[in-house]
Amino acid sequence: MENVHRSTEKTTALPELQWFETPLAATQEDVLSPLAWEELACRQVGKGATPILHLWRHPSALVIGHRDRRLPYAPQAMERVRNAGTSVCVRPSGGAAVMLDRGVLNLSLILPNPQRAISLHEDFRLMAALIADALVPWSGEAQTGEILGSFCPGDYDVSVRGRKFCGIAQRRQAKAYIITAFVMIEGSGTERAQAVQHFYTEAAGDTSAGVQQQDYPRVNPATMGSLAELAGVPSVEAYTASLRRVVESRTAILPADGWLVQLEGLTEQMAALRERYDLQV
């Protein structure tokens, strides 16, 4: 485990950014919509648009990874979740299943890559540092390193006292890329982990289905926590305001371009993502 604040000197510089917050989605809205928006925005950044920090939330959603979708009973498990009123999708970025609600803030740094050369570890450290620095008004204990038993585990899990509140993943395009993170701020980390655990139990089926130990994360709900639980952060709004101050201390935040609000082709992009990552398995 590494203290995030001791590693900030290793992070890359933050470019000038457009700060764009998508309004909290309606319960019935497809969670694939903000992911499709990011695919389109990433193409614009690849063509020369100003880099973007995108913030969004969804009131009730399960976002799963490519490998999760290949579990033998994943379609049935996804349908059960949908029937319970929760939106479900397979995301284009890496990582595994994540449970979202209004207490979880999703962040995406959308950055250019004109030379087609990505320093993945530096970019993950950059995102982890922003997230940890925004927590400083309440706690300076954030660390990075995989938390065994967490959902969506990875080398750059961000945790406080051994309980994970944030996971980071990435998505590459030809001339731009996205570093994306979920940050659990309000609510119960354990309850979200239990929901993910339930999905995996159903999607994997019994031992006769031939699922191996490494095919999906074995979730231990006790490994997850929200920032309200771990550090006393009062609300998503308070954390978001702190994050904006951190970003403003590192770079200029430019006025958002008009095209961010009305990106053309969103419906078609959603259909393309669903076809590629959900239907063609």
C-alpha atoms as a PDB file:
ATOM      1  CA  MET A   1       0.000   0.000   0.000  1.00  0.00           C
ATOM      2  CA  GLU A   2       1.212   3.519  -0.781  1.00  0.00           C
ATOM      3  CA  ASN A   3       0.206   6.804   0.809  1.00  0.00           C
ATOM      4  CA  VAL A   4      -1.247   8.826  -2.064  1.00  0.00           C
ATOM      5  CA  HIS A   5       0.145  12.144  -0.811  1.00  0.00           C
ATOM      6  CA  ARG A   6       3.705  10.802  -0.761  1.00  0.00           C
ATOM      7  CA  SER A   7       3.422   9.795  -4.412  1.00  0.00           C
ATOM      8  CA  THR A   8       2.048  13.057  -5.834  1.00  0.00           C
ATOM      9  CA  GLU A   9       5.461  14.134  -7.107  1.00  0.00           C
ATOM     10  CA  LYS A  10       5.295  11.192  -9.533  1.00  0.00           C
ATOM     11  CA  THR A  11       2.076  12.320 -11.185  1.00  0.00           C
ATOM     12  CA  THR A  12       1.856  13.944 -14.592  1.00  0.00           C
ATOM     13  CA  ALA A  13       0.820  17.582 -15.006  1.00  0.00           C
ATOM     14  CA  LEU A  14      -2.887  18.287 -15.333  1.00  0.00           C
ATOM     15  CA  PRO A  15      -3.808  20.098 -18.577  1.00  0.00           C
ATOM     16  CA  GLU A  16      -6.367  22.874 -18.834  1.00  0.00           C
ATOM     17  CA  LEU A  17      -9.801  21.308 -18.495  1.00  0.00           C
ATOM     18  CA  GLN A  18     -13.456  21.781 -19.184  1.00  0.00           C
ATOM     19  CA  TRP A  19     -15.412  20.857 -16.040  1.00  0.00           C
ATOM     20  CA  PHE A  20     -18.695  19.236 -17.049  1.00  0.00           C
ATOM     21  CA  GLU A  21     -21.290  17.849 -14.635  1.00  0.00           C
ATOM     22  CA  THR A  22     -24.103  15.772 -16.097  1.00  0.00           C
ATOM     23  CA  PRO A  23     -27.278  16.333 -14.027  1.00  0.00           C
ATOM     24  CA  LEU A  24     -28.313  13.442 -11.787  1.00  0.00           C
ATOM     25  CA  ALA A  25     -30.020  10.955 -14.061  1.00  0.00           C
ATOM     26  CA  ALA A  26     -33.647   9.972 -13.663  1.00  0.00           C
ATOM     27  CA  THR A  27     -34.159   6.490 -12.228  1.00  0.00           C
ATOM     28  CA  GLN A  28     -35.467   5.140 -15.516  1.00  0.00           C
ATOM     29  CA  GLU A  29     -32.581   6.543 -17.583  1.00  0.00           C
ATOM     30  CA  ASP A  30     -30.236   4.006 -19.160  1.00  0.00           C
ATOM     31  CA  VAL A  31     -26.871   4.053 -17.361  1.00  0.00           C
ATOM     32  CA  LEU A  32     -25.238   3.444 -20.737  1.00  0.00           C
ATOM     33  CA  SER A  33     -26.067   7.056 -21.689  1.00  0.00           C
ATOM     34  CA  PRO A  34     -23.190   8.802 -19.811  1.00  0.00           C
ATOM     35  CA  LEU A  35     -20.750   6.140 -21.011  1.00  0.00           C
ATOM     36  CA  ALA A  36     -21.822   6.675 -24.617  1.00  0.00           C
ATOM     37  CA  TRP A  37     -21.511  10.440 -24.070  1.00  0.00           C
ATOM     38  CA  GLU A  38     -17.917   9.924 -22.947  1.00  0.00           C
ATOM     39  CA  GLU A  39     -17.140   7.856 -26.039  1.00  0.00           C
ATOM     40  CA  LEU A  40     -18.315  10.725 -28.243  1.00  0.00           C
ATOM     41  CA  ALA A  41     -16.571  13.378 -26.141  1.00  0.00           C
ATOM     42  CA  CYS A  42     -13.342  11.381 -26.246  1.00  0.00           C
ATOM     43  CA  ARG A  43     -13.409  11.477 -30.049  1.00  0.00           C
ATOM     44  CA  GLN A  44     -13.777  15.257 -29.945  1.00  0.00           C
ATOM     45  CA  VAL A  45     -10.804  15.556 -27.572  1.00  0.00           C
ATOM     46  CA  GLY A  46      -8.856  13.358 -29.981  1.00  0.00           C
ATOM     47  CA  LYS A  47      -9.649  15.888 -32.715  1.00  0.00           C
ATOM     48  CA  GLY A  48      -8.323  18.803 -30.646  1.00  0.00           C
ATOM     49  CA  ALA A  49     -11.097  19.796 -28.236  1.00  0.00           C
ATOM     50  CA  THR A  50     -10.074  20.880 -24.736  1.00  0.00           C
ATOM     51  CA  PRO A  51      -9.672  17.955 -22.294  1.00  0.00           C
ATOM     52  CA  ILE A  52     -12.633  17.286 -20.010  1.00  0.00           C
ATOM     53  CA  LEU A  53     -13.295  16.301 -16.430  1.00  0.00           C
ATOM     54  CA  HIS A  54     -16.740  14.717 -16.528  1.00  0.00           C
ATOM     55  CA  LEU A  55     -18.750  14.148 -13.329  1.00  0.00           C
ATOM     56  CA  TRP A  56     -21.974  12.171 -13.231  1.00  0.00           C
ATOM     57  CA  ARG A  57     -24.236  10.062 -11.013  1.00  0.00           C
ATOM     58  CA  HIS A  58     -27.064   7.587 -11.478  1.00  0.00           C
ATOM     59  CA  PRO A  59     -29.728   6.844  -8.840  1.00  0.00           C
ATOM     60  CA  SER A  60     -29.722   3.059  -9.328  1.00  0.00           C
ATOM     61  CA  ALA A  61     -27.435   1.133 -11.673  1.00  0.00           C
ATOM     62  CA  LEU A  62     -25.155  -1.881 -11.993  1.00  0.00           C
ATOM     63  CA  VAL A  63     -22.268  -1.448 -14.436  1.00  0.00           C
ATOM     64  CA  ILE A  64     -20.412  -4.676 -15.215  1.00  0.00           C
ATOM     65  CA  GLY A  65     -17.194  -5.510 -17.064  1.00  0.00           C
ATOM     66  CA  HIS A  66     -16.462  -7.556 -20.181  1.00  0.00           C
ATOM     67  CA  ARG A  67     -15.429 -10.670 -18.242  1.00  0.00           C
ATOM     68  CA  ASP A  68     -18.483 -10.400 -16.005  1.00  0.00           C
ATOM     69  CA  ARG A  69     -20.718 -10.535 -19.072  1.00  0.00           C
ATOM     70  CA  ARG A  70     -19.136 -13.842 -20.114  1.00  0.00           C
ATOM     71  CA  LEU A  71     -20.143 -15.617 -16.898  1.00  0.00           C
ATOM     72  CA  PRO A  72     -22.556 -18.446 -17.783  1.00  0.00           C
ATOM     73  CA  TYR A  73     -25.670 -16.979 -16.153  1.00  0.00           C
ATOM     74  CA  ALA A  74     -24.863 -13.286 -16.571  1.00  0.00           C
ATOM     75  CA  PRO A  75     -27.878 -12.577 -18.843  1.00  0.00           C
ATOM     76  CA  GLN A  76     -30.274 -14.005 -16.261  1.00  0.00           C
ATOM     77  CA  ALA A  77     -28.570 -12.116 -13.414  1.00  0.00           C
ATOM     78  CA  MET A  78     -28.704  -8.872 -15.405  1.00  0.00           C
ATOM     79  CA  GLU A  79     -32.383  -9.388 -16.145  1.00  0.00           C
ATOM     80  CA  ARG A  80     -33.142  -9.946 -12.445  1.00  0.00           C
ATOM     81  CA  VAL A  81     -31.429  -6.651 -11.613  1.00  0.00           C
ATOM     82  CA  ARG A  82     -33.384  -4.840 -14.334  1.00  0.00           C
ATOM     83  CA  ASN A  83     -36.670  -6.304 -13.106  1.00  0.00           C
ATOM     84  CA  ALA A  84     -35.885  -4.870  -9.674  1.00  0.00           C
ATOM     85  CA  GLY A  85     -35.789  -1.378 -11.210  1.00  0.00           C
ATOM     86  CA  THR A  86     -32.012  -1.000 -11.572  1.00  0.00           C
ATOM     87  CA  SER A  87     -30.387  -0.035 -14.879  1.00  0.00           C
ATOM     88  CA  VAL A  88     -27.680  -2.448 -16.094  1.00  0.00           C
ATOM     89  CA  CYS A  89     -25.002  -2.194 -18.771  1.00  0.00           C
ATOM     90  CA  VAL A  90     -21.629  -3.563 -19.851  1.00  0.00           C
ATOM     91  CA  ARG A  91     -19.111  -0.737 -19.888  1.00  0.00           C
ATOM     92  CA  PRO A  92     -16.439  -0.201 -22.553  1.00  0.00           C
ATOM     93  CA  SER A  93     -13.672   0.558 -20.031  1.00  0.00           C
ATOM     94  CA  GLY A  94     -11.778  -2.046 -18.042  1.00  0.00           C
ATOM     95  CA  GLY A  95     -12.679  -3.283 -14.594  1.00  0.00           C
ATOM     96  CA  ALA A  96     -15.445  -5.371 -13.083  1.00  0.00           C
ATOM     97  CA  ALA A  97     -18.928  -4.875 -11.620  1.00  0.00           C
ATOM     98  CA  VAL A  98     -19.744  -1.662  -9.721  1.00  0.00           C
ATOM     99  CA  MET A  99     -22.991  -0.705  -7.992  1.00  0.00           C
ATOM    100  CA  LEU A 100     -24.032   2.920  -8.489  1.00  0.00           C
ATOM    101  CA  ASP A 101     -26.549   5.130  -6.726  1.00  0.00           C
ATOM    102  CA  ARG A 102     -26.903   8.831  -5.926  1.00  0.00           C
ATOM    103  CA  GLY A 103     -24.178   8.526  -3.257  1.00  0.00           C
ATOM    104  CA  VAL A 104     -21.543   7.420  -5.782  1.00  0.00           C
ATOM    105  CA  LEU A 105     -19.724  10.058  -7.838  1.00  0.00           C
ATOM    106  CA  ASN A 106     -18.278   8.992 -11.187  1.00  0.00           C
ATOM    107  CA  LEU A 107     -15.284  10.930 -12.521  1.00  0.00           C
ATOM    108  CA  SER A 108     -13.719  10.716 -15.964  1.00  0.00           C
ATOM    109  CA  LEU A 109     -10.614  12.522 -17.182  1.00  0.00           C
ATOM    110  CA  ILE A 110     -10.832  12.651 -20.973  1.00  0.00           C
ATOM    111  CA  LEU A 111      -7.365  13.404 -22.332  1.00  0.00           C
ATOM    112  CA  PRO A 112      -5.676  13.645 -25.753  1.00  0.00           C
ATOM    113  CA  ASN A 113      -3.159  11.087 -26.937  1.00  0.00           C
ATOM    114  CA  PRO A 114      -1.777  12.459 -30.232  1.00  0.00           C
ATOM    115  CA  GLN A 115       1.397  10.351 -30.064  1.00  0.00           C
ATOM    116  CA  ARG A 116      -0.559   7.199 -29.147  1.00  0.00           C
ATOM    117  CA  ALA A 117       1.679   6.717 -26.122  1.00  0.00           C
ATOM    118  CA  ILE A 118      -0.031   6.355 -22.738  1.00  0.00           C
ATOM    119  CA  SER A 119       1.749   6.207 -19.394  1.00  0.00           C
ATOM    120  CA  LEU A 120      -0.976   4.250 -17.670  1.00  0.00           C
ATOM    121  CA  HIS A 121       0.584   4.162 -14.204  1.00  0.00           C
ATOM    122  CA  GLU A 122       1.220   7.926 -14.206  1.00  0.00           C
ATOM    123  CA  ASP A 123      -2.344   8.647 -15.285  1.00  0.00           C
ATOM    124  CA  PHE A 124      -3.798   6.339 -12.643  1.00  0.00           C
ATOM    125  CA  ARG A 125      -1.611   8.055 -10.037  1.00  0.00           C
ATOM    126  CA  LEU A 126      -2.871  11.432 -11.256  1.00  0.00           C
ATOM    127  CA  MET A 127      -6.504  10.410 -10.797  1.00  0.00           C
ATOM    128  CA  ALA A 128      -5.776   8.828  -7.407  1.00  0.00           C
ATOM    129  CA  ALA A 129      -3.995  12.007  -6.268  1.00  0.00           C
ATOM    130  CA  LEU A 130      -6.930  14.235  -7.267  1.00  0.00           C
ATOM    131  CA  ILE A 131      -9.361  11.980  -5.424  1.00  0.00           C
ATOM    132  CA  ALA A 132      -7.178  11.770  -2.303  1.00  0.00           C
ATOM    133  CA  ASP A 133      -6.417  15.502  -2.248  1.00  0.00           C
ATOM    134  CA  ALA A 134     -10.134  16.277  -2.387  1.00  0.00           C
ATOM    135  CA  LEU A 135     -10.501  14.163   0.760  1.00  0.00           C
ATOM    136  CA  VAL A 136      -7.884  16.129   2.743  1.00  0.00           C
ATOM    137  CA  PRO A 137     -10.387  18.455   4.498  1.00  0.00           C
ATOM    138  CA  TRP A 138     -11.658  15.324   6.258  1.00  0.00           C
ATOM    139  CA  SER A 139      -8.789  12.813   6.131  1.00  0.00           C
ATOM    140  CA  GLY A 140      -5.190  12.515   4.941  1.00  0.00           C
ATOM    141  CA  GLU A 141      -5.138   8.722   5.248  1.00  0.00           C
ATOM    142  CA  ALA A 142      -5.915   7.752   1.646  1.00  0.00           C
ATOM    143  CA  GLN A 143      -3.744   4.969   0.243  1.00  0.00           C
ATOM    144  CA  THR A 144      -3.452   3.194  -3.098  1.00  0.00           C
ATOM    145  CA  GLY A 145      -3.026  -0.526  -3.650  1.00  0.00           C
ATOM    146  CA  GLU A 146      -5.310  -3.451  -4.400  1.00  0.00           C
ATOM    147  CA  ILE A 147      -7.841  -4.296  -1.696  1.00  0.00           C
ATOM    148  CA  LEU A 148      -8.423  -8.053  -1.828  1.00  0.00           C
ATOM    149  CA  GLY A 149     -12.105  -8.878  -1.546  1.00  0.00           C
ATOM    150  CA  SER A 150     -13.288  -5.545  -2.939  1.00  0.00           C
ATOM    151  CA  PHE A 151     -15.466  -5.221  -6.002  1.00  0.00           C
ATOM    152  CA  CYS A 152     -13.798  -4.001  -9.205  1.00  0.00           C
ATOM    153  CA  PRO A 153     -10.326  -4.652  -7.691  1.00  0.00           C
ATOM    154  CA  GLY A 154      -7.148  -3.137  -9.132  1.00  0.00           C
ATOM    155  CA  ASP A 155      -3.647  -1.909  -8.348  1.00  0.00           C
ATOM    156  CA  TYR A 156      -4.921   1.644  -7.893  1.00  0.00           C
ATOM    157  CA  ASP A 157      -7.778   1.023  -5.490  1.00  0.00           C
ATOM    158  CA  VAL A 158      -8.017   4.034  -3.160  1.00  0.00           C
ATOM    159  CA  SER A 159      -8.784   3.182   0.455  1.00  0.00           C
ATOM    160  CA  VAL A 160      -8.834   4.473   4.012  1.00  0.00           C
ATOM    161  CA  ARG A 161      -7.663   2.113   6.758  1.00  0.00           C
ATOM    162  CA  GLY A 162      -7.945  -0.904   4.497  1.00  0.00           C
ATOM    163  CA  ARG A 163     -11.458  -0.251   3.189  1.00  0.00           C
ATOM    164  CA  LYS A 164     -11.863   0.729  -0.438  1.00  0.00           C
ATOM    165  CA  PHE A 165     -13.953   3.714  -1.491  1.00  0.00           C
ATOM    166  CA  CYS A 166     -12.672   4.248  -5.039  1.00  0.00           C
ATOM    167  CA  GLY A 167     -11.690   2.205  -8.086  1.00  0.00           C
ATOM    168  CA  ILE A 168      -9.960   3.439 -11.253  1.00  0.00           C
ATOM    169  CA  ALA A 169     -10.057   2.086 -14.822  1.00  0.00           C
ATOM    170  CA  GLN A 170      -9.225   3.289 -18.328  1.00  0.00           C
ATOM    171  CA  ARG A 171     -10.589   3.301 -21.868  1.00  0.00           C
ATOM    172  CA  ARG A 172      -8.450   3.980 -24.961  1.00  0.00           C
ATOM    173  CA  GLN A 173      -9.353   5.350 -28.364  1.00  0.00           C
ATOM    174  CA  ALA A 174      -7.050   6.037 -31.301  1.00  0.00           C
ATOM    175  CA  LYS A 175      -6.153   9.646 -30.391  1.00  0.00           C
ATOM    176  CA  ALA A 176      -7.572  10.131 -26.896  1.00  0.00           C
ATOM    177  CA  TYR A 177      -8.359   8.153 -23.770  1.00  0.00           C
ATOM    178  CA  ILE A 178     -10.406   8.163 -20.577  1.00  0.00           C
ATOM    179  CA  ILE A 179      -9.272   7.585 -16.997  1.00  0.00           C
ATOM    180  CA  THR A 180     -12.435   6.836 -15.068  1.00  0.00           C
ATOM    181  CA  ALA A 181     -13.183   6.337 -11.375  1.00  0.00           C
ATOM    182  CA  PHE A 182     -16.076   5.711  -9.033  1.00  0.00           C
ATOM    183  CA  VAL A 183     -16.002   7.349  -5.586  1.00  0.00           C
ATOM    184  CA  MET A 184     -18.400   6.106  -2.906  1.00  0.00           C
ATOM    185  CA  ILE A 185     -19.235   9.167  -0.813  1.00  0.00           C
ATOM    186  CA  GLU A 186     -22.613   8.665   0.850  1.00  0.00           C
ATOM    187  CA  GLY A 187     -24.428   5.520   1.959  1.00  0.00           C
ATOM    188  CA  SER A 188     -23.146   2.047   2.803  1.00  0.00           C
ATOM    189  CA  GLY A 189     -20.158   0.486   1.085  1.00  0.00           C
ATOM    190  CA  THR A 190     -21.099  -2.880   2.572  1.00  0.00           C
ATOM    191  CA  GLU A 191     -24.604  -2.818   1.097  1.00  0.00           C
ATOM    192  CA  ARG A 192     -23.263  -1.983  -2.361  1.00  0.00           C
ATOM    193  CA  ALA A 193     -20.741  -4.806  -2.076  1.00  0.00           C
ATOM    194  CA  GLN A 194     -23.476  -7.231  -1.033  1.00  0.00           C
ATOM    195  CA  ALA A 195     -25.452  -6.315  -4.158  1.00  0.00           C
ATOM    196  CA  VAL A 196     -22.393  -6.962  -6.350  1.00  0.00           C
ATOM    197  CA  GLN A 197     -21.712 -10.225  -4.491  1.00  0.00           C
ATOM    198  CA  HIS A 198     -25.298 -11.329  -5.147  1.00  0.00           C
ATOM    199  CA  PHE A 199     -24.906 -10.577  -8.857  1.00  0.00           C
ATOM    200  CA  TYR A 200     -21.738 -12.680  -9.092  1.00  0.00           C
ATOM    201  CA  THR A 201     -23.260 -15.591  -7.195  1.00  0.00           C
ATOM    202  CA  GLU A 202     -26.155 -15.696  -9.632  1.00  0.00           C
ATOM    203  CA  ALA A 203     -24.095 -14.985 -12.765  1.00  0.00           C
ATOM    204  CA  ALA A 204     -21.500 -17.678 -11.998  1.00  0.00           C
ATOM    205  CA  GLY A 205     -24.010 -20.384 -11.078  1.00  0.00           C
ATOM    206  CA  ASP A 206     -23.039 -23.579  -9.294  1.00  0.00           C
ATOM    207  CA  THR A 207     -19.725 -25.406  -9.657  1.00  0.00           C
ATOM    208  CA  SER A 208     -21.033 -27.513 -12.548  1.00  0.00           C
ATOM    209  CA  ALA A 209     -20.974 -24.410 -14.770  1.00  0.00           C
ATOM    210  CA  GLY A 210     -17.177 -24.669 -14.982  1.00  0.00           C
ATOM    211  CA  VAL A 211     -16.421 -21.195 -13.615  1.00  0.00           C
ATOM    212  CA  GLN A 212     -12.870 -20.878 -12.292  1.00  0.00           C
ATOM    213  CA  GLN A 213     -11.659 -18.982  -9.225  1.00  0.00           C
ATOM    214  CA  GLN A 214     -10.015 -16.309 -11.387  1.00  0.00           C
ATOM    215  CA  ASP A 215     -13.086 -15.711 -13.571  1.00  0.00           C
ATOM    216  CA  TYR A 216     -14.652 -13.100 -11.287  1.00  0.00           C
ATOM    217  CA  PRO A 217     -13.856 -11.218  -8.047  1.00  0.00           C
ATOM    218  CA  ARG A 218     -14.794 -12.949  -4.786  1.00  0.00           C
ATOM    219  CA  VAL A 219     -16.336  -9.998  -2.980  1.00  0.00           C
ATOM    220  CA  ASN A 220     -16.033  -9.563   0.781  1.00  0.00           C
ATOM    221  CA  PRO A 221     -18.501  -6.792   1.692  1.00  0.00           C
ATOM    222  CA  ALA A 222     -16.450  -5.788   4.747  1.00  0.00           C
ATOM    223  CA  THR A 223     -13.687  -4.451   2.463  1.00  0.00           C
ATOM    224  CA  MET A 224     -15.803  -1.591   1.079  1.00  0.00           C
ATOM    225  CA  GLY A 225     -16.761   1.711   2.674  1.00  0.00           C
ATOM    226  CA  SER A 226     -18.076   5.139   1.742  1.00  0.00           C
ATOM    227  CA  LEU A 227     -16.307   8.373   2.610  1.00  0.00           C
ATOM    228  CA  ALA A 228     -19.173   9.229   4.942  1.00  0.00           C
ATOM    229  CA  GLU A 229     -18.375   6.038   6.857  1.00  0.00           C
ATOM    230  CA  LEU A 230     -14.579   6.236   6.645  1.00  0.00           C
ATOM    231  CA  ALA A 231     -13.899   9.964   6.946  1.00  0.00           C
ATOM    232  CA  GLY A 232     -17.107  11.776   7.847  1.00  0.00           C
ATOM    233  CA  VAL A 233     -17.550  13.449   4.443  1.00  0.00           C
ATOM    234  CA  PRO A 234     -21.042  14.968   4.733  1.00  0.00           C
ATOM    235  CA  SER A 235     -22.282  14.831   1.136  1.00  0.00           C
ATOM    236  CA  VAL A 236     -21.489  14.354  -2.532  1.00  0.00           C
ATOM    237  CA  GLU A 237     -21.821  18.110  -2.949  1.00  0.00           C
ATOM    238  CA  ALA A 238     -19.213  18.841  -0.260  1.00  0.00           C
ATOM    239  CA  TYR A 239     -16.728  16.406  -1.785  1.00  0.00           C
ATOM    240  CA  THR A 240     -17.363  17.749  -5.301  1.00  0.00           C
ATOM    241  CA  ALA A 241     -16.701  21.314  -4.126  1.00  0.00           C
ATOM    242  CA  SER A 242     -13.423  20.179  -2.555  1.00  0.00           C
ATOM    243  CA  LEU A 243     -12.464  18.379  -5.763  1.00  0.00           C
ATOM    244  CA  ARG A 244     -13.067  21.517  -7.800  1.00  0.00           C
ATOM    245  CA  ARG A 245     -10.788  23.502  -5.483  1.00  0.00           C
ATOM    246  CA  VAL A 246      -8.084  20.856  -5.923  1.00  0.00           C
ATOM    247  CA  VAL A 247      -8.381  20.961  -9.714  1.00  0.00           C
ATOM    248  CA  GLU A 248      -8.360  24.781  -9.727  1.00  0.00           C
ATOM    249  CA  SER A 249      -5.138  24.724  -7.683  1.00  0.00           C
ATOM    250  CA  ARG A 250      -3.450  22.639 -10.385  1.00  0.00           C
ATOM    251  CA  THR A 251      -4.764  24.017 -13.654  1.00  0.00           C
ATOM    252  CA  ALA A 252      -7.204  26.404 -15.326  1.00  0.00           C
ATOM    253  CA  ILE A 253     -10.834  25.370 -15.648  1.00  0.00           C
ATOM    254  CA  LEU A 254     -12.143  26.744 -18.934  1.00  0.00           C
ATOM    255  CA  PRO A 255     -15.772  27.514 -19.834  1.00  0.00           C
ATOM    256  CA  ALA A 256     -17.531  24.426 -21.147  1.00  0.00           C
ATOM    257  CA  ASP A 257     -18.060  24.305 -24.906  1.00  0.00           C
ATOM    258  CA  GLY A 258     -21.649  24.300 -26.101  1.00  0.00           C
ATOM    259  CA  TRP A 259     -21.314  20.932 -27.819  1.00  0.00           C
ATOM    260  CA  LEU A 260     -20.874  19.219 -24.442  1.00  0.00           C
ATOM    261  CA  VAL A 261     -24.563  19.739 -23.663  1.00  0.00           C
ATOM    262  CA  GLN A 262     -25.934  18.426 -26.951  1.00  0.00           C
ATOM    263  CA  LEU A 263     -23.605  15.840 -28.410  1.00  0.00           C
ATOM    264  CA  GLU A 264     -25.021  14.446 -31.634  1.00  0.00           C
ATOM    265  CA  GLY A 265     -25.239  10.716 -32.161  1.00  0.00           C
ATOM    266  CA  LEU A 266     -25.825   9.675 -28.538  1.00  0.00           C
ATOM    267  CA  THR A 267     -28.616   7.200 -29.296  1.00  0.00           C
ATOM    268  CA  GLU A 268     -26.589   5.588 -32.077  1.00  0.00           C
ATOM    269  CA  GLN A 269     -23.508   5.377 -29.846  1.00  0.00           C
ATOM    270  CA  MET A 270     -25.506   3.688 -27.087  1.00  0.00           C
ATOM    271  CA  ALA A 271     -26.766   1.109 -29.572  1.00  0.00           C
ATOM    272  CA  ALA A 272     -23.230   0.514 -30.861  1.00  0.00           C
ATOM    273  CA  LEU A 273     -21.853  -0.034 -27.346  1.00  0.00           C
ATOM    274  CA  ARG A 274     -24.675  -2.408 -26.467  1.00  0.00           C
ATOM    275  CA  GLU A 275     -24.124  -4.372 -29.665  1.00  0.00           C
ATOM    276  CA  ARG A 276     -20.372  -4.660 -29.157  1.00  0.00           C
ATOM    277  CA  TYR A 277     -20.105  -5.312 -25.432  1.00  0.00           C
ATOM    278  CA  ASP A 278     -23.419  -6.893 -24.444  1.00  0.00           C
ATOM    279  CA  LEU A 279     -25.014  -8.663 -27.393  1.00  0.00           C
ATOM    280  CA  GLN A 280     -21.912 -10.028 -29.158  1.00  0.00           C
ATOM    281  CA  VAL A 281     -20.527 -12.189 -26.349  1.00  0.00           C
END
